Amino acid sequence: MIARKHPEWIRVRAPTGDAVARTRAIVRDFRLHTVCEEAQCPNVGECWAHDTATFMLLGDTCTRNCGFCAVRHGRPLVVDPDEPARVADAVARLGLRHVVVTSVDRDDLPDGGATHFAQTARQIRARVAGCAVEVLIPDFRGDAAALATVVCAPIDVLNHNTETVPRLYKRARPGSSYERSVGVLARAKHLRPTLRTKSGLMLGLGERRDELRAVFRDLRTAGCDVLTLGQYLRPSTDELPVERYVPPQEFTEIGEEARALGFAYVESGPLVRSSYHAWRHSPRDPH
């Protein structure tokens, strides 16, 4: 049965306040995109109130059309070579000590945007030396050289979301592969064993508990250190419906099951997203 109404534990306040206005103004000043806005993240108010944002590189148009995502898809924009420097300037202006950088999928580019990620990390490190850099990357279509370009950049955390269980990939992530996504994490850990790796899943798309446990085991076998688990929320009627709202207590139980497998850090709750409280698991321990 499809769930049609948000339960009480899902509701959040609209983003308001001086800190939110300041973050929005800085993002606009530097002509940047954030996944906070493009993907309609429910935590935008909380994060922006703490002068935190997740920057989205390479435009606001994705070359894929995942069934759960609100980011527009179609023909993407030309790559802006000045964007990495502008992101670094925005990080400095916001005074961030842990920044998350992601992108739309850019299957039209030879390296999927890997060089752009690496340049952005270098610009941030040069501009704000003490800032921990987390990247949330696409799968680069399994291109090992593209992944190595990012892994060898000055990053502290590499995140690639598996998103859901293998059975639901064809429906939720057309153009992607579960095996490829897990392989990205395993290859990154192999290339740089000390790099902290991370992945996340959405719950409520019709997955079973045993399927989640199997994904957790696969991620640990791949050396994944950090796991985020959150409720899928339908951005609009154009995306997949919510099959089930997972109660907070069940998120707690599922999170404990994941911790028992040896993840260094697990964030599990209805409103958790990939970059939610990202600074808490920073290897630099900025707070």
C-alpha atoms as a PDB file:
ATOM      1  CA  MET A   1       0.000   0.000   0.000  1.00  0.00           C
ATOM      2  CA  ILE A   2       1.287   3.480  -0.903  1.00  0.00           C
ATOM      3  CA  ALA A   3       1.656   5.915   2.011  1.00  0.00           C
ATOM      4  CA  ARG A   4      -0.126   9.173   1.195  1.00  0.00           C
ATOM      5  CA  LYS A   5       0.286  11.478   4.174  1.00  0.00           C
ATOM      6  CA  HIS A   6       3.384  12.550   6.101  1.00  0.00           C
ATOM      7  CA  PRO A   7       3.275  11.401   9.729  1.00  0.00           C
ATOM      8  CA  GLU A   8       3.962  13.863  12.536  1.00  0.00           C
ATOM      9  CA  TRP A   9       7.620  12.873  12.882  1.00  0.00           C
ATOM     10  CA  ILE A  10       8.364  13.938   9.289  1.00  0.00           C
ATOM     11  CA  ARG A  11       7.174  17.516   9.481  1.00  0.00           C
ATOM     12  CA  VAL A  12       9.802  20.276   9.602  1.00  0.00           C
ATOM     13  CA  ARG A  13       9.699  24.033   9.846  1.00  0.00           C
ATOM     14  CA  ALA A  14      10.297  26.196   6.803  1.00  0.00           C
ATOM     15  CA  PRO A  15      13.845  27.644   6.705  1.00  0.00           C
ATOM     16  CA  THR A  16      13.913  31.125   8.235  1.00  0.00           C
ATOM     17  CA  GLY A  17      16.235  33.378  10.214  1.00  0.00           C
ATOM     18  CA  ASP A  18      19.280  35.575   9.712  1.00  0.00           C
ATOM     19  CA  ALA A  19      21.748  32.698   9.288  1.00  0.00           C
ATOM     20  CA  VAL A  20      19.566  31.102   6.605  1.00  0.00           C
ATOM     21  CA  ALA A  21      19.262  34.410   4.763  1.00  0.00           C
ATOM     22  CA  ARG A  22      23.024  34.929   4.999  1.00  0.00           C
ATOM     23  CA  THR A  23      23.826  31.480   3.593  1.00  0.00           C
ATOM     24  CA  ARG A  24      21.313  31.924   0.762  1.00  0.00           C
ATOM     25  CA  ALA A  25      22.827  35.329  -0.082  1.00  0.00           C
ATOM     26  CA  ILE A  26      26.376  33.950  -0.194  1.00  0.00           C
ATOM     27  CA  VAL A  27      25.309  31.069  -2.438  1.00  0.00           C
ATOM     28  CA  ARG A  28      23.648  33.573  -4.775  1.00  0.00           C
ATOM     29  CA  ASP A  29      26.616  35.975  -4.684  1.00  0.00           C
ATOM     30  CA  PHE A  30      28.957  33.274  -5.931  1.00  0.00           C
ATOM     31  CA  ARG A  31      26.438  31.918  -8.492  1.00  0.00           C
ATOM     32  CA  LEU A  32      26.473  28.437  -7.002  1.00  0.00           C
ATOM     33  CA  HIS A  33      23.991  25.597  -6.660  1.00  0.00           C
ATOM     34  CA  THR A  34      23.302  23.631  -3.481  1.00  0.00           C
ATOM     35  CA  VAL A  35      21.762  20.196  -3.179  1.00  0.00           C
ATOM     36  CA  CYS A  36      19.959  21.652  -0.157  1.00  0.00           C
ATOM     37  CA  GLU A  37      17.685  23.561  -2.530  1.00  0.00           C
ATOM     38  CA  GLU A  38      17.831  21.558  -5.763  1.00  0.00           C
ATOM     39  CA  ALA A  39      16.936  18.265  -4.055  1.00  0.00           C
ATOM     40  CA  GLN A  40      14.474  19.919  -1.641  1.00  0.00           C
ATOM     41  CA  CYS A  41      16.283  18.636   1.461  1.00  0.00           C
ATOM     42  CA  PRO A  42      14.071  18.791   4.577  1.00  0.00           C
ATOM     43  CA  ASN A  43      17.053  19.819   6.726  1.00  0.00           C
ATOM     44  CA  VAL A  44      17.915  22.971   4.803  1.00  0.00           C
ATOM     45  CA  GLY A  45      16.681  25.196   7.632  1.00  0.00           C
ATOM     46  CA  GLU A  46      18.751  23.444  10.308  1.00  0.00           C
ATOM     47  CA  CYS A  47      21.906  23.205   8.220  1.00  0.00           C
ATOM     48  CA  TRP A  48      21.793  26.742   6.835  1.00  0.00           C
ATOM     49  CA  ALA A  49      21.123  28.062  10.333  1.00  0.00           C
ATOM     50  CA  HIS A  50      24.505  26.540  11.247  1.00  0.00           C
ATOM     51  CA  ASP A  51      26.261  28.138   8.244  1.00  0.00           C
ATOM     52  CA  THR A  52      26.485  24.779   6.496  1.00  0.00           C
ATOM     53  CA  ALA A  53      25.690  23.927   2.887  1.00  0.00           C
ATOM     54  CA  THR A  54      26.289  21.113   0.417  1.00  0.00           C
ATOM     55  CA  PHE A  55      27.502  22.575  -2.847  1.00  0.00           C
ATOM     56  CA  MET A  56      26.436  20.993  -6.127  1.00  0.00           C
ATOM     57  CA  LEU A  57      28.964  21.207  -8.948  1.00  0.00           C
ATOM     58  CA  LEU A  58      28.554  21.095 -12.709  1.00  0.00           C
ATOM     59  CA  GLY A  59      25.208  22.848 -12.987  1.00  0.00           C
ATOM     60  CA  ASP A  60      21.691  21.934 -11.947  1.00  0.00           C
ATOM     61  CA  THR A  61      20.769  19.537 -14.772  1.00  0.00           C
ATOM     62  CA  CYS A  62      21.467  15.803 -14.496  1.00  0.00           C
ATOM     63  CA  THR A  63      22.068  13.388 -17.358  1.00  0.00           C
ATOM     64  CA  ARG A  64      20.209  10.623 -15.506  1.00  0.00           C
ATOM     65  CA  ASN A  65      16.607  10.456 -14.367  1.00  0.00           C
ATOM     66  CA  CYS A  66      16.435   8.600 -11.058  1.00  0.00           C
ATOM     67  CA  GLY A  67      12.923   7.866  -9.883  1.00  0.00           C
ATOM     68  CA  PHE A  68      13.377   9.471  -6.463  1.00  0.00           C
ATOM     69  CA  CYS A  69      15.218  12.688  -7.330  1.00  0.00           C
ATOM     70  CA  ALA A  70      13.883  16.237  -7.716  1.00  0.00           C
ATOM     71  CA  VAL A  71      16.945  17.560  -9.564  1.00  0.00           C
ATOM     72  CA  ARG A  72      16.051  18.399 -13.151  1.00  0.00           C
ATOM     73  CA  HIS A  73      17.306  16.139 -15.915  1.00  0.00           C
ATOM     74  CA  GLY A  74      18.102  16.796 -19.542  1.00  0.00           C
ATOM     75  CA  ARG A  75      20.876  18.444 -21.508  1.00  0.00           C
ATOM     76  CA  PRO A  76      23.374  19.880 -19.003  1.00  0.00           C
ATOM     77  CA  LEU A  77      25.223  23.176 -19.078  1.00  0.00           C
ATOM     78  CA  VAL A  78      28.778  23.754 -20.290  1.00  0.00           C
ATOM     79  CA  VAL A  79      31.307  23.189 -17.485  1.00  0.00           C
ATOM     80  CA  ASP A  80      32.272  26.424 -15.732  1.00  0.00           C
ATOM     81  CA  PRO A  81      36.071  26.364 -15.143  1.00  0.00           C
ATOM     82  CA  ASP A  82      35.802  29.100 -12.499  1.00  0.00           C
ATOM     83  CA  GLU A  83      33.330  27.201 -10.335  1.00  0.00           C
ATOM     84  CA  PRO A  84      35.938  25.444  -8.103  1.00  0.00           C
ATOM     85  CA  ALA A  85      37.438  28.802  -7.092  1.00  0.00           C
ATOM     86  CA  ARG A  86      33.986  30.257  -6.363  1.00  0.00           C
ATOM     87  CA  VAL A  87      33.098  27.289  -4.172  1.00  0.00           C
ATOM     88  CA  ALA A  88      36.345  27.786  -2.242  1.00  0.00           C
ATOM     89  CA  ASP A  89      35.575  31.493  -1.804  1.00  0.00           C
ATOM     90  CA  ALA A  90      32.083  30.660  -0.532  1.00  0.00           C
ATOM     91  CA  VAL A  91      33.516  28.132   1.931  1.00  0.00           C
ATOM     92  CA  ALA A  92      35.850  30.826   3.239  1.00  0.00           C
ATOM     93  CA  ARG A  93      33.046  33.403   3.461  1.00  0.00           C
ATOM     94  CA  LEU A  94      30.824  30.971   5.380  1.00  0.00           C
ATOM     95  CA  GLY A  95      33.673  29.999   7.701  1.00  0.00           C
ATOM     96  CA  LEU A  96      33.125  26.266   7.179  1.00  0.00           C
ATOM     97  CA  ARG A  97      35.321  23.663   8.860  1.00  0.00           C
ATOM     98  CA  HIS A  98      33.682  20.717   7.087  1.00  0.00           C
ATOM     99  CA  VAL A  99      32.283  21.125   3.589  1.00  0.00           C
ATOM    100  CA  VAL A 100      30.374  18.652   1.434  1.00  0.00           C
ATOM    101  CA  VAL A 101      30.674  18.906  -2.343  1.00  0.00           C
ATOM    102  CA  THR A 102      28.510  16.873  -4.697  1.00  0.00           C
ATOM    103  CA  SER A 103      27.366  17.106  -8.320  1.00  0.00           C
ATOM    104  CA  VAL A 104      24.730  16.105 -10.783  1.00  0.00           C
ATOM    105  CA  ASP A 105      25.546  13.073 -12.917  1.00  0.00           C
ATOM    106  CA  ARG A 106      27.487  14.208 -15.984  1.00  0.00           C
ATOM    107  CA  ASP A 107      27.674  11.161 -18.221  1.00  0.00           C
ATOM    108  CA  ASP A 108      28.288  13.558 -21.125  1.00  0.00           C
ATOM    109  CA  LEU A 109      31.808  14.329 -19.835  1.00  0.00           C
ATOM    110  CA  PRO A 110      34.721  11.966 -20.587  1.00  0.00           C
ATOM    111  CA  ASP A 111      35.605  11.625 -16.887  1.00  0.00           C
ATOM    112  CA  GLY A 112      32.102  12.221 -15.506  1.00  0.00           C
ATOM    113  CA  GLY A 113      33.294  15.404 -13.809  1.00  0.00           C
ATOM    114  CA  ALA A 114      36.070  13.793 -11.743  1.00  0.00           C
ATOM    115  CA  THR A 115      38.666  16.428 -12.645  1.00  0.00           C
ATOM    116  CA  HIS A 116      36.233  19.171 -11.602  1.00  0.00           C
ATOM    117  CA  PHE A 117      35.792  17.491  -8.194  1.00  0.00           C
ATOM    118  CA  ALA A 118      39.562  17.258  -7.748  1.00  0.00           C
ATOM    119  CA  GLN A 119      40.100  20.889  -8.732  1.00  0.00           C
ATOM    120  CA  THR A 120      37.424  21.996  -6.290  1.00  0.00           C
ATOM    121  CA  ALA A 121      39.039  20.050  -3.441  1.00  0.00           C
ATOM    122  CA  ARG A 122      42.424  21.603  -4.218  1.00  0.00           C
ATOM    123  CA  GLN A 123      40.950  25.103  -4.356  1.00  0.00           C
ATOM    124  CA  ILE A 124      39.191  24.643  -1.009  1.00  0.00           C
ATOM    125  CA  ARG A 125      42.322  23.277   0.646  1.00  0.00           C
ATOM    126  CA  ALA A 126      44.396  26.184  -0.716  1.00  0.00           C
ATOM    127  CA  ARG A 127      41.840  28.760   0.409  1.00  0.00           C
ATOM    128  CA  VAL A 128      40.853  27.246   3.791  1.00  0.00           C
ATOM    129  CA  ALA A 129      43.605  24.876   4.849  1.00  0.00           C
ATOM    130  CA  GLY A 130      41.860  23.610   7.977  1.00  0.00           C
ATOM    131  CA  CYS A 131      38.569  22.732   6.309  1.00  0.00           C
ATOM    132  CA  ALA A 132      37.738  19.032   5.986  1.00  0.00           C
ATOM    133  CA  VAL A 133      36.553  18.193   2.469  1.00  0.00           C
ATOM    134  CA  GLU A 134      33.879  15.570   1.868  1.00  0.00           C
ATOM    135  CA  VAL A 135      32.868  14.656  -1.676  1.00  0.00           C
ATOM    136  CA  LEU A 136      29.617  12.911  -2.601  1.00  0.00           C
ATOM    137  CA  ILE A 137      30.383  11.486  -6.022  1.00  0.00           C
ATOM    138  CA  PRO A 138      28.467   9.761  -8.838  1.00  0.00           C
ATOM    139  CA  ASP A 139      29.622   6.351 -10.028  1.00  0.00           C
ATOM    140  CA  PHE A 140      31.566   7.779 -13.025  1.00  0.00           C
ATOM    141  CA  ARG A 141      30.097   4.840 -15.004  1.00  0.00           C
ATOM    142  CA  GLY A 142      32.649   2.613 -13.303  1.00  0.00           C
ATOM    143  CA  ASP A 143      35.644   4.476 -14.769  1.00  0.00           C
ATOM    144  CA  ALA A 144      38.572   3.497 -12.523  1.00  0.00           C
ATOM    145  CA  ALA A 145      40.790   6.354 -13.725  1.00  0.00           C
ATOM    146  CA  ALA A 146      38.098   8.935 -12.970  1.00  0.00           C
ATOM    147  CA  LEU A 147      37.651   7.553  -9.460  1.00  0.00           C
ATOM    148  CA  ALA A 148      41.410   7.618  -8.886  1.00  0.00           C
ATOM    149  CA  THR A 149      41.469  11.289  -9.875  1.00  0.00           C
ATOM    150  CA  VAL A 150      39.122  12.097  -6.994  1.00  0.00           C
ATOM    151  CA  VAL A 151      40.651   9.684  -4.492  1.00  0.00           C
ATOM    152  CA  CYS A 152      44.091  11.224  -5.031  1.00  0.00           C
ATOM    153  CA  ALA A 153      42.783  14.758  -4.487  1.00  0.00           C
ATOM    154  CA  PRO A 154      43.056  16.391  -1.020  1.00  0.00           C
ATOM    155  CA  ILE A 155      39.772  15.013   0.320  1.00  0.00           C
ATOM    156  CA  ASP A 156      38.981  13.625   3.767  1.00  0.00           C
ATOM    157  CA  VAL A 157      35.763  11.688   3.103  1.00  0.00           C
ATOM    158  CA  LEU A 158      34.540   9.987  -0.073  1.00  0.00           C
ATOM    159  CA  ASN A 159      30.808   9.347  -0.161  1.00  0.00           C
ATOM    160  CA  HIS A 160      28.925   7.411  -2.811  1.00  0.00           C
ATOM    161  CA  ASN A 161      25.321   6.504  -2.079  1.00  0.00           C
ATOM    162  CA  THR A 162      23.977   3.049  -2.804  1.00  0.00           C
ATOM    163  CA  GLU A 163      20.507   4.618  -2.262  1.00  0.00           C
ATOM    164  CA  THR A 164      18.421   1.412  -2.102  1.00  0.00           C
ATOM    165  CA  VAL A 165      18.521  -2.379  -2.254  1.00  0.00           C
ATOM    166  CA  PRO A 166      19.478  -4.248  -5.469  1.00  0.00           C
ATOM    167  CA  ARG A 167      15.922  -5.422  -6.203  1.00  0.00           C
ATOM    168  CA  LEU A 168      14.692  -1.841  -6.537  1.00  0.00           C
ATOM    169  CA  TYR A 169      17.513  -0.475  -8.709  1.00  0.00           C
ATOM    170  CA  LYS A 170      15.774  -0.865 -12.053  1.00  0.00           C
ATOM    171  CA  ARG A 171      12.820   1.130 -10.736  1.00  0.00           C
ATOM    172  CA  ALA A 172      14.642   3.729  -8.629  1.00  0.00           C
ATOM    173  CA  ARG A 173      18.021   4.118 -10.332  1.00  0.00           C
ATOM    174  CA  PRO A 174      17.783   3.393 -14.076  1.00  0.00           C
ATOM    175  CA  GLY A 175      21.203   3.737 -15.651  1.00  0.00           C
ATOM    176  CA  SER A 176      22.959   2.765 -12.412  1.00  0.00           C
ATOM    177  CA  SER A 177      24.144  -0.555 -11.011  1.00  0.00           C
ATOM    178  CA  TYR A 178      24.202  -1.776  -7.413  1.00  0.00           C
ATOM    179  CA  GLU A 179      27.355  -3.792  -8.020  1.00  0.00           C
ATOM    180  CA  ARG A 180      29.034  -0.776  -9.610  1.00  0.00           C
ATOM    181  CA  SER A 181      28.142   1.461  -6.664  1.00  0.00           C
ATOM    182  CA  VAL A 182      29.501  -0.965  -4.076  1.00  0.00           C
ATOM    183  CA  GLY A 183      32.554  -1.398  -6.309  1.00  0.00           C
ATOM    184  CA  VAL A 184      33.221   2.359  -6.255  1.00  0.00           C
ATOM    185  CA  LEU A 185      33.544   2.238  -2.470  1.00  0.00           C
ATOM    186  CA  ALA A 186      35.691  -0.893  -2.485  1.00  0.00           C
ATOM    187  CA  ARG A 187      38.026   0.501  -5.148  1.00  0.00           C
ATOM    188  CA  ALA A 188      38.385   3.825  -3.338  1.00  0.00           C
ATOM    189  CA  LYS A 189      39.392   2.035  -0.132  1.00  0.00           C
ATOM    190  CA  HIS A 190      41.838  -0.117  -2.069  1.00  0.00           C
ATOM    191  CA  LEU A 191      43.442   2.921  -3.714  1.00  0.00           C
ATOM    192  CA  ARG A 192      43.732   4.836  -0.437  1.00  0.00           C
ATOM    193  CA  PRO A 193      43.144   2.634   2.626  1.00  0.00           C
ATOM    194  CA  THR A 194      43.199   5.541   5.106  1.00  0.00           C
ATOM    195  CA  LEU A 195      40.478   7.468   3.254  1.00  0.00           C
ATOM    196  CA  ARG A 196      37.171   7.507   5.111  1.00  0.00           C
ATOM    197  CA  THR A 197      34.435   6.116   2.874  1.00  0.00           C
ATOM    198  CA  LYS A 198      30.722   6.597   3.288  1.00  0.00           C
ATOM    199  CA  SER A 199      27.398   5.559   1.775  1.00  0.00           C
ATOM    200  CA  GLY A 200      23.704   6.159   2.339  1.00  0.00           C
ATOM    201  CA  LEU A 201      20.320   4.553   1.740  1.00  0.00           C
ATOM    202  CA  MET A 202      16.740   5.769   1.590  1.00  0.00           C
ATOM    203  CA  LEU A 203      14.075   3.724   3.354  1.00  0.00           C
ATOM    204  CA  GLY A 204      10.440   3.561   2.402  1.00  0.00           C
ATOM    205  CA  LEU A 205      10.706   2.575  -1.261  1.00  0.00           C
ATOM    206  CA  GLY A 206       9.527  -0.988  -0.636  1.00  0.00           C
ATOM    207  CA  GLU A 207      12.726  -2.592   0.659  1.00  0.00           C
ATOM    208  CA  ARG A 208      12.646  -5.479   3.151  1.00  0.00           C
ATOM    209  CA  ARG A 209      14.609  -5.600   6.390  1.00  0.00           C
ATOM    210  CA  ASP A 210      16.626  -8.635   5.279  1.00  0.00           C
ATOM    211  CA  GLU A 211      17.550  -6.809   2.068  1.00  0.00           C
ATOM    212  CA  LEU A 212      18.859  -3.877   4.100  1.00  0.00           C
ATOM    213  CA  ARG A 213      20.988  -6.199   6.228  1.00  0.00           C
ATOM    214  CA  ALA A 214      22.480  -7.716   3.080  1.00  0.00           C
ATOM    215  CA  VAL A 215      23.406  -4.250   1.777  1.00  0.00           C
ATOM    216  CA  PHE A 216      24.999  -3.371   5.134  1.00  0.00           C
ATOM    217  CA  ARG A 217      27.142  -6.513   4.913  1.00  0.00           C
ATOM    218  CA  ASP A 218      28.146  -5.715   1.332  1.00  0.00           C
ATOM    219  CA  LEU A 219      29.169  -2.194   2.346  1.00  0.00           C
ATOM    220  CA  ARG A 220      31.255  -3.430   5.260  1.00  0.00           C
ATOM    221  CA  THR A 221      32.946  -5.980   2.984  1.00  0.00           C
ATOM    222  CA  ALA A 222      33.779  -3.052   0.694  1.00  0.00           C
ATOM    223  CA  GLY A 223      35.398  -1.275   3.635  1.00  0.00           C
ATOM    224  CA  CYS A 224      32.721   1.398   4.015  1.00  0.00           C
ATOM    225  CA  ASP A 225      33.237   3.327   7.276  1.00  0.00           C
ATOM    226  CA  VAL A 226      30.178   5.579   7.564  1.00  0.00           C
ATOM    227  CA  LEU A 227      26.502   4.891   6.839  1.00  0.00           C
ATOM    228  CA  THR A 228      23.491   7.230   6.652  1.00  0.00           C
ATOM    229  CA  LEU A 229      19.913   5.968   6.704  1.00  0.00           C
ATOM    230  CA  GLY A 230      16.908   8.227   6.111  1.00  0.00           C
ATOM    231  CA  GLN A 231      13.295   8.238   5.006  1.00  0.00           C
ATOM    232  CA  TYR A 232      12.550   8.671   1.306  1.00  0.00           C
ATOM    233  CA  LEU A 233      10.254  11.652   0.801  1.00  0.00           C
ATOM    234  CA  ARG A 234       8.528  12.115  -2.533  1.00  0.00           C
ATOM    235  CA  PRO A 235       9.534  15.536  -3.912  1.00  0.00           C
ATOM    236  CA  SER A 236       6.523  15.765  -6.235  1.00  0.00           C
ATOM    237  CA  THR A 237       4.002  13.599  -8.062  1.00  0.00           C
ATOM    238  CA  ASP A 238       6.597  13.123 -10.817  1.00  0.00           C
ATOM    239  CA  GLU A 239       8.754  10.925  -8.566  1.00  0.00           C
ATOM    240  CA  LEU A 240       8.200   7.489  -7.042  1.00  0.00           C
ATOM    241  CA  PRO A 241       5.578   7.304  -4.288  1.00  0.00           C
ATOM    242  CA  VAL A 242       6.462   6.547  -0.686  1.00  0.00           C
ATOM    243  CA  GLU A 243       5.575   2.922  -0.015  1.00  0.00           C
ATOM    244  CA  ARG A 244       6.013   3.196   3.746  1.00  0.00           C
ATOM    245  CA  TYR A 245       6.970   5.679   6.449  1.00  0.00           C
ATOM    246  CA  VAL A 246       9.466   4.020   8.772  1.00  0.00           C
ATOM    247  CA  PRO A 247       8.862   4.940  12.444  1.00  0.00           C
ATOM    248  CA  PRO A 248      11.706   6.608  14.396  1.00  0.00           C
ATOM    249  CA  GLN A 249      12.076   3.611  16.721  1.00  0.00           C
ATOM    250  CA  GLU A 250      12.602   1.313  13.744  1.00  0.00           C
ATOM    251  CA  PHE A 251      15.285   3.655  12.407  1.00  0.00           C
ATOM    252  CA  THR A 252      16.983   3.351  15.800  1.00  0.00           C
ATOM    253  CA  GLU A 253      16.839  -0.443  15.649  1.00  0.00           C
ATOM    254  CA  ILE A 254      18.129  -0.589  12.074  1.00  0.00           C
ATOM    255  CA  GLY A 255      20.944   1.795  12.973  1.00  0.00           C
ATOM    256  CA  GLU A 256      21.978  -0.464  15.854  1.00  0.00           C
ATOM    257  CA  GLU A 257      22.036  -3.457  13.511  1.00  0.00           C
ATOM    258  CA  ALA A 258      24.377  -1.550  11.212  1.00  0.00           C
ATOM    259  CA  ARG A 259      26.667  -0.486  14.079  1.00  0.00           C
ATOM    260  CA  ALA A 260      26.944  -4.098  15.183  1.00  0.00           C
ATOM    261  CA  LEU A 261      28.529  -4.899  11.809  1.00  0.00           C
ATOM    262  CA  GLY A 262      31.428  -2.543  12.540  1.00  0.00           C
ATOM    263  CA  PHE A 263      30.644   0.779  10.863  1.00  0.00           C
ATOM    264  CA  ALA A 264      32.677   3.541  12.479  1.00  0.00           C
ATOM    265  CA  TYR A 265      29.677   5.876  12.445  1.00  0.00           C
ATOM    266  CA  VAL A 266      25.984   5.468  11.624  1.00  0.00           C
ATOM    267  CA  GLU A 267      23.422   8.278  11.352  1.00  0.00           C
ATOM    268  CA  SER A 268      19.910   6.803  11.225  1.00  0.00           C
ATOM    269  CA  GLY A 269      16.617   8.687  11.408  1.00  0.00           C
ATOM    270  CA  PRO A 270      13.621   9.801   9.340  1.00  0.00           C
ATOM    271  CA  LEU A 271      15.130  13.144   8.293  1.00  0.00           C
ATOM    272  CA  VAL A 272      18.721  11.976   7.833  1.00  0.00           C
ATOM    273  CA  ARG A 273      20.295  12.768   4.471  1.00  0.00           C
ATOM    274  CA  SER A 274      23.767  12.090   3.056  1.00  0.00           C
ATOM    275  CA  SER A 275      25.386  15.224   4.426  1.00  0.00           C
ATOM    276  CA  TYR A 276      23.290  15.573   7.591  1.00  0.00           C
ATOM    277  CA  HIS A 277      25.598  16.205  10.590  1.00  0.00           C
ATOM    278  CA  ALA A 278      28.518  15.308   8.309  1.00  0.00           C
ATOM    279  CA  TRP A 279      30.984  17.096  10.565  1.00  0.00           C
ATOM    280  CA  ARG A 280      30.309  14.572  13.350  1.00  0.00           C
ATOM    281  CA  HIS A 281      32.265  11.853  11.570  1.00  0.00           C
ATOM    282  CA  SER A 282      34.978  14.077  10.152  1.00  0.00           C
ATOM    283  CA  PRO A 283      38.428  12.499  10.496  1.00  0.00           C
ATOM    284  CA  ARG A 284      39.654  15.984  11.382  1.00  0.00           C
ATOM    285  CA  ASP A 285      37.126  16.227  14.225  1.00  0.00           C
ATOM    286  CA  PRO A 286      36.485  19.938  13.570  1.00  0.00           C
ATOM    287  CA  HIS A 287      34.144  20.380  16.547  1.00  0.00           C
END
